[in-house]
Amino acid sequence: MQTPISPSLDTSRPQLIVSVYGLDTFGNDVIRGYGVCHLPVVNGQSSEEMIMFVPESSSTLQKLTSWLTGKRPEYVDARLLARGDGREVTRVRSQGCVWIQFNVVFKDFHHYGFENDNNS
């Protein structure tokens, strides 16, 4: 499985977007799940549960067509997930969850005007 990871800074708090791809029964590379979570903004260790989901076809005919052609629904730009605009009209299905562990260290951020609880 391939797991490209792309941080997004489209909102006031950084987010991590994960796209997981795998092969289907016909050998086509298809999306297995998308997930979004906020990145921690303080020093230290933390863990986050990321709920994974995939987009669904909006009709039975589209489901059949996508299964026959091997072209499953997927987002053209995964950064849409971080913004949230238009997500309410997207039909999705849950695909489980992923646990992510973060180890965050900030160094010299106070030089750029950022303040943190403990300057390490």
N, C-alpha and C. Protein backbone atom coordinates (compact mmCIF):
# COMPACT_ATOMS: atom_id res chain seq x y z
N MET A 1 0.83 -1.19 0.00
CA MET A 1 0.00 0.00 0.00
C MET A 1 0.87 1.24 0.00
N GLN A 2 0.45 2.24 -0.74
CA GLN A 2 1.14 3.52 -0.76
C GLN A 2 0.41 4.47 0.17
N THR A 3 1.16 5.28 0.90
CA THR A 3 0.53 6.23 1.82
C THR A 3 1.16 7.60 1.68
N PRO A 4 0.79 8.37 0.66
CA PRO A 4 1.32 9.73 0.57
C PRO A 4 0.73 10.61 1.66
N ILE A 5 1.57 11.42 2.27
CA ILE A 5 1.15 12.29 3.36
C ILE A 5 1.41 13.72 2.94
N SER A 6 0.41 14.58 3.09
CA SER A 6 0.60 15.97 2.72
C SER A 6 0.05 16.89 3.80
N PRO A 7 0.92 17.69 4.44
CA PRO A 7 0.41 18.66 5.40
C PRO A 7 -0.26 19.81 4.68
N SER A 8 -1.34 20.31 5.25
CA SER A 8 -2.07 21.42 4.63
C SER A 8 -2.13 22.58 5.60
N LEU A 9 -1.86 23.78 5.07
CA LEU A 9 -1.90 24.98 5.89
C LEU A 9 -3.01 25.91 5.43
N ASP A 10 -4.11 25.34 4.90
CA ASP A 10 -5.22 26.14 4.40
C ASP A 10 -6.05 26.75 5.53
N THR A 11 -5.96 26.23 6.72
CA THR A 11 -6.75 26.74 7.84
C THR A 11 -5.82 27.38 8.86
N SER A 12 -6.37 27.90 9.94
CA SER A 12 -5.55 28.54 10.96
C SER A 12 -4.72 27.52 11.72
N ARG A 13 -5.13 26.27 11.75
CA ARG A 13 -4.37 25.22 12.44
C ARG A 13 -3.96 24.17 11.41
N PRO A 14 -2.68 23.78 11.37
CA PRO A 14 -2.23 22.83 10.34
C PRO A 14 -2.93 21.48 10.47
N GLN A 15 -3.16 20.85 9.33
CA GLN A 15 -3.82 19.55 9.29
C GLN A 15 -2.98 18.56 8.50
N LEU A 16 -3.12 17.30 8.82
CA LEU A 16 -2.46 16.23 8.10
C LEU A 16 -3.52 15.50 7.28
N ILE A 17 -3.27 15.35 5.98
CA ILE A 17 -4.17 14.63 5.09
C ILE A 17 -3.47 13.36 4.65
N VAL A 18 -4.11 12.21 4.84
CA VAL A 18 -3.53 10.93 4.44
C VAL A 18 -4.41 10.31 3.37
N SER A 19 -3.79 9.88 2.29
CA SER A 19 -4.47 9.17 1.21
C SER A 19 -3.83 7.79 1.09
N VAL A 20 -4.63 6.74 1.25
CA VAL A 20 -4.12 5.37 1.18
C VAL A 20 -4.64 4.72 -0.09
N TYR A 21 -3.73 4.19 -0.91
CA TYR A 21 -4.08 3.53 -2.16
C TYR A 21 -3.69 2.06 -2.09
N GLY A 22 -4.40 1.23 -2.84
CA GLY A 22 -4.11 -0.19 -2.93
C GLY A 22 -4.67 -0.76 -4.21
N LEU A 23 -4.42 -2.02 -4.45
CA LEU A 23 -4.91 -2.68 -5.66
C LEU A 23 -6.24 -3.37 -5.40
N ASP A 24 -7.15 -3.29 -6.39
CA ASP A 24 -8.40 -4.03 -6.28
C ASP A 24 -8.21 -5.41 -6.90
N THR A 25 -9.30 -6.18 -7.03
CA THR A 25 -9.20 -7.56 -7.52
C THR A 25 -8.75 -7.64 -8.98
N PHE A 26 -8.90 -6.55 -9.73
CA PHE A 26 -8.49 -6.53 -11.14
C PHE A 26 -7.09 -5.94 -11.33
N GLY A 27 -6.42 -5.58 -10.25
CA GLY A 27 -5.08 -5.01 -10.34
C GLY A 27 -5.05 -3.52 -10.56
N ASN A 28 -6.20 -2.86 -10.44
CA ASN A 28 -6.26 -1.40 -10.60
C ASN A 28 -5.87 -0.72 -9.30
N ASP A 29 -5.12 0.36 -9.41
CA ASP A 29 -4.74 1.16 -8.25
C ASP A 29 -5.93 2.03 -7.85
N VAL A 30 -6.52 1.76 -6.70
CA VAL A 30 -7.72 2.49 -6.25
C VAL A 30 -7.50 3.06 -4.85
N ILE A 31 -8.31 4.06 -4.53
CA ILE A 31 -8.23 4.67 -3.21
C ILE A 31 -8.82 3.70 -2.18
N ARG A 32 -8.11 3.52 -1.08
CA ARG A 32 -8.59 2.68 0.02
C ARG A 32 -9.10 3.51 1.18
N GLY A 33 -8.69 4.78 1.24
CA GLY A 33 -9.19 5.63 2.31
C GLY A 33 -8.51 6.98 2.35
N TYR A 34 -9.26 7.97 2.81
CA TYR A 34 -8.75 9.30 3.10
C TYR A 34 -8.93 9.55 4.58
N GLY A 35 -8.05 10.34 5.15
CA GLY A 35 -8.18 10.72 6.55
C GLY A 35 -7.61 12.11 6.77
N VAL A 36 -8.16 12.83 7.74
CA VAL A 36 -7.73 14.19 8.06
C VAL A 36 -7.67 14.32 9.58
N CYS A 37 -6.59 14.93 10.09
CA CYS A 37 -6.54 15.25 11.52
C CYS A 37 -5.71 16.51 11.70
N HIS A 38 -5.93 17.19 12.80
CA HIS A 38 -5.17 18.39 13.14
C HIS A 38 -3.81 17.99 13.71
N LEU A 39 -2.78 18.73 13.34
CA LEU A 39 -1.45 18.50 13.89
C LEU A 39 -1.33 19.18 15.24
N PRO A 40 -0.63 18.56 16.18
CA PRO A 40 -0.46 19.19 17.49
C PRO A 40 0.42 20.44 17.36
N VAL A 41 0.11 21.45 18.16
CA VAL A 41 0.84 22.71 18.11
C VAL A 41 1.60 22.99 19.40
N VAL A 42 1.82 21.96 20.21
CA VAL A 42 2.62 22.09 21.43
C VAL A 42 3.67 20.99 21.45
N ASN A 43 4.75 21.25 22.19
CA ASN A 43 5.81 20.26 22.32
C ASN A 43 5.32 19.00 23.00
N GLY A 44 5.95 17.89 22.68
CA GLY A 44 5.65 16.65 23.39
C GLY A 44 5.10 15.57 22.49
N GLN A 45 4.67 14.51 23.15
CA GLN A 45 4.15 13.34 22.45
C GLN A 45 2.63 13.32 22.58
N SER A 46 1.97 13.04 21.47
CA SER A 46 0.51 12.90 21.50
C SER A 46 0.10 11.90 20.43
N SER A 47 -1.09 11.34 20.60
CA SER A 47 -1.60 10.40 19.60
C SER A 47 -2.99 10.86 19.17
N GLU A 48 -3.32 10.50 17.96
CA GLU A 48 -4.59 10.94 17.36
C GLU A 48 -5.20 9.78 16.60
N GLU A 49 -6.51 9.61 16.73
CA GLU A 49 -7.23 8.61 15.94
C GLU A 49 -7.77 9.29 14.69
N MET A 50 -7.38 8.78 13.53
CA MET A 50 -7.84 9.35 12.27
C MET A 50 -8.85 8.40 11.65
N ILE A 51 -10.08 8.89 11.46
CA ILE A 51 -11.13 8.10 10.84
C ILE A 51 -10.91 8.12 9.33
N MET A 52 -10.87 6.94 8.71
CA MET A 52 -10.65 6.83 7.27
C MET A 52 -11.99 6.66 6.56
N PHE A 53 -12.10 7.22 5.36
CA PHE A 53 -13.34 7.14 4.59
C PHE A 53 -13.02 7.18 3.11
N VAL A 54 -13.96 6.74 2.28
CA VAL A 54 -13.84 6.81 0.82
C VAL A 54 -15.11 7.43 0.26
N PRO A 55 -15.00 8.17 -0.86
CA PRO A 55 -16.20 8.71 -1.49
C PRO A 55 -17.02 7.61 -2.13
N GLU A 56 -18.32 7.79 -2.14
CA GLU A 56 -19.25 6.82 -2.72
C GLU A 56 -19.87 7.40 -3.99
N SER A 57 -20.26 6.51 -4.89
CA SER A 57 -21.01 6.95 -6.07
C SER A 57 -22.39 7.40 -5.62
N SER A 58 -22.96 8.36 -6.34
CA SER A 58 -24.24 8.91 -5.91
C SER A 58 -25.44 8.13 -6.42
N SER A 59 -25.25 7.20 -7.37
CA SER A 59 -26.38 6.41 -7.86
C SER A 59 -25.93 4.97 -8.10
N THR A 60 -26.89 4.08 -8.22
CA THR A 60 -26.60 2.67 -8.47
C THR A 60 -25.95 2.48 -9.84
N LEU A 61 -26.39 3.24 -10.82
CA LEU A 61 -25.80 3.15 -12.16
C LEU A 61 -24.33 3.57 -12.13
N GLN A 62 -24.01 4.63 -11.40
CA GLN A 62 -22.62 5.06 -11.28
C GLN A 62 -21.78 4.03 -10.53
N LYS A 63 -22.35 3.38 -9.52
CA LYS A 63 -21.63 2.33 -8.81
C LYS A 63 -21.28 1.18 -9.75
N LEU A 64 -22.25 0.75 -10.56
CA LEU A 64 -22.02 -0.34 -11.51
C LEU A 64 -20.98 0.06 -12.55
N THR A 65 -21.09 1.26 -13.08
CA THR A 65 -20.14 1.74 -14.08
C THR A 65 -18.73 1.83 -13.51
N SER A 66 -18.60 2.34 -12.30
CA SER A 66 -17.27 2.46 -11.70
C SER A 66 -16.68 1.08 -11.40
N TRP A 67 -17.49 0.12 -11.03
CA TRP A 67 -17.00 -1.23 -10.76
C TRP A 67 -16.54 -1.90 -12.06
N LEU A 68 -17.31 -1.73 -13.14
CA LEU A 68 -16.95 -2.34 -14.43
C LEU A 68 -15.70 -1.72 -15.04
N THR A 69 -15.56 -0.41 -14.93
CA THR A 69 -14.41 0.27 -15.53
C THR A 69 -13.18 0.30 -14.62
N GLY A 70 -13.37 0.01 -13.34
CA GLY A 70 -12.25 0.07 -12.40
C GLY A 70 -11.90 1.48 -11.97
N LYS A 71 -12.72 2.43 -12.29
CA LYS A 71 -12.50 3.84 -11.92
C LYS A 71 -13.42 4.19 -10.76
N ARG A 72 -12.94 4.00 -9.55
CA ARG A 72 -13.73 4.31 -8.36
C ARG A 72 -13.72 5.80 -8.10
N PRO A 73 -14.75 6.32 -7.41
CA PRO A 73 -14.77 7.75 -7.09
C PRO A 73 -13.59 8.12 -6.18
N GLU A 74 -12.94 9.21 -6.49
CA GLU A 74 -11.88 9.74 -5.63
C GLU A 74 -11.77 11.24 -5.84
N TYR A 75 -11.17 11.91 -4.87
CA TYR A 75 -11.02 13.36 -4.94
C TYR A 75 -9.88 13.70 -5.89
N VAL A 76 -10.10 14.70 -6.74
CA VAL A 76 -9.05 15.17 -7.64
C VAL A 76 -7.97 15.88 -6.83
N ASP A 77 -8.39 16.69 -5.86
CA ASP A 77 -7.47 17.41 -4.99
C ASP A 77 -7.83 17.09 -3.55
N ALA A 78 -6.98 16.33 -2.87
CA ALA A 78 -7.27 15.91 -1.49
C ALA A 78 -7.26 17.08 -0.51
N ARG A 79 -6.71 18.24 -0.91
CA ARG A 79 -6.72 19.40 -0.01
C ARG A 79 -8.13 19.91 0.25
N LEU A 80 -9.09 19.50 -0.57
CA LEU A 80 -10.50 19.83 -0.33
C LEU A 80 -10.92 19.35 1.06
N LEU A 81 -10.35 18.25 1.51
CA LEU A 81 -10.72 17.69 2.80
C LEU A 81 -10.33 18.60 3.96
N ALA A 82 -9.25 19.34 3.82
CA ALA A 82 -8.81 20.24 4.89
C ALA A 82 -9.68 21.49 4.96
N ARG A 83 -10.17 21.94 3.82
CA ARG A 83 -10.98 23.17 3.80
C ARG A 83 -12.38 22.95 4.34
N GLY A 84 -13.01 21.86 3.96
CA GLY A 84 -14.35 21.60 4.44
C GLY A 84 -15.44 22.17 3.58
N ASP A 85 -15.12 23.12 2.69
CA ASP A 85 -16.14 23.71 1.81
C ASP A 85 -16.58 22.67 0.78
N GLY A 86 -17.86 22.40 0.73
CA GLY A 86 -18.40 21.45 -0.23
C GLY A 86 -18.37 20.01 0.22
N ARG A 87 -17.83 19.74 1.39
CA ARG A 87 -17.78 18.35 1.86
C ARG A 87 -19.16 17.83 2.25
N GLU A 88 -20.07 18.73 2.59
CA GLU A 88 -21.39 18.28 3.04
C GLU A 88 -22.21 17.66 1.91
N VAL A 89 -21.83 17.88 0.66
CA VAL A 89 -22.56 17.30 -0.46
C VAL A 89 -21.90 16.03 -0.98
N THR A 90 -20.80 15.62 -0.37
CA THR A 90 -20.09 14.42 -0.79
C THR A 90 -20.56 13.23 0.03
N ARG A 91 -20.94 12.17 -0.63
CA ARG A 91 -21.36 10.94 0.04
C ARG A 91 -20.11 10.10 0.30
N VAL A 92 -19.89 9.69 1.56
CA VAL A 92 -18.71 8.90 1.90
C VAL A 92 -19.11 7.67 2.70
N ARG A 93 -18.20 6.70 2.73
CA ARG A 93 -18.39 5.47 3.50
C ARG A 93 -17.17 5.28 4.39
N SER A 94 -17.37 4.91 5.63
CA SER A 94 -16.29 4.72 6.59
C SER A 94 -15.45 3.50 6.21
N GLN A 95 -14.14 3.63 6.41
CA GLN A 95 -13.22 2.55 6.09
C GLN A 95 -12.34 2.18 7.28
N GLY A 96 -12.76 2.46 8.49
CA GLY A 96 -11.96 2.12 9.66
C GLY A 96 -11.22 3.33 10.20
N CYS A 97 -10.14 3.07 10.93
CA CYS A 97 -9.39 4.16 11.53
C CYS A 97 -7.90 3.83 11.55
N VAL A 98 -7.10 4.89 11.72
CA VAL A 98 -5.65 4.77 11.81
C VAL A 98 -5.22 5.56 13.04
N TRP A 99 -4.32 4.99 13.84
CA TRP A 99 -3.78 5.70 14.99
C TRP A 99 -2.44 6.29 14.59
N ILE A 100 -2.27 7.59 14.86
CA ILE A 100 -1.04 8.30 14.53
C ILE A 100 -0.43 8.82 15.82
N GLN A 101 0.89 8.63 15.95
CA GLN A 101 1.59 9.15 17.12
C GLN A 101 2.52 10.27 16.66
N PHE A 102 2.40 11.43 17.31
CA PHE A 102 3.22 12.60 16.99
C PHE A 102 4.24 12.82 18.09
N ASN A 103 5.46 13.12 17.70
CA ASN A 103 6.51 13.57 18.61
C ASN A 103 6.95 14.95 18.10
N VAL A 104 6.53 15.99 18.80
CA VAL A 104 6.73 17.36 18.32
C VAL A 104 7.82 18.05 19.13
N VAL A 105 8.74 18.68 18.41
CA VAL A 105 9.80 19.49 19.03
C VAL A 105 9.86 20.82 18.29
N PHE A 106 9.74 21.92 19.00
CA PHE A 106 9.87 23.25 18.42
C PHE A 106 11.21 23.82 18.85
N LYS A 107 11.91 24.43 17.90
CA LYS A 107 13.20 25.02 18.22
C LYS A 107 13.27 26.40 17.57
N ASP A 108 13.60 27.40 18.36
CA ASP A 108 13.82 28.77 17.90
C ASP A 108 12.59 29.39 17.23
N PHE A 109 11.39 28.95 17.59
CA PHE A 109 10.19 29.56 17.02
C PHE A 109 9.98 30.97 17.57
N HIS A 110 10.52 31.26 18.76
CA HIS A 110 10.34 32.59 19.33
C HIS A 110 11.05 33.66 18.50
N HIS A 111 12.03 33.27 17.69
CA HIS A 111 12.69 34.24 16.80
C HIS A 111 11.75 34.74 15.71
N TYR A 112 10.71 33.97 15.41
CA TYR A 112 9.76 34.33 14.36
C TYR A 112 8.43 34.84 14.91
N GLY A 113 8.39 35.12 16.21
CA GLY A 113 7.20 35.69 16.81
C GLY A 113 6.20 34.68 17.35
N PHE A 114 6.54 33.38 17.34
CA PHE A 114 5.64 32.36 17.88
C PHE A 114 6.04 32.06 19.31
N GLU A 115 5.07 31.93 20.18
CA GLU A 115 5.32 31.59 21.57
C GLU A 115 4.77 30.21 21.85
N ASN A 116 5.49 29.44 22.65
CA ASN A 116 5.07 28.09 23.00
C ASN A 116 5.22 27.95 24.51
N ASP A 117 4.59 26.94 25.10
CA ASP A 117 4.63 26.76 26.54
C ASP A 117 6.07 26.61 27.05
N ASN A 118 6.85 25.77 26.39
CA ASN A 118 8.23 25.57 26.79
C ASN A 118 9.13 25.68 25.58
N ASN A 119 10.07 26.61 25.63
CA ASN A 119 10.96 26.83 24.48
C ASN A 119 12.13 25.86 24.56
N SER A 120 12.04 24.79 23.79
CA SER A 120 13.09 23.77 23.78
C SER A 120 14.05 24.05 22.66
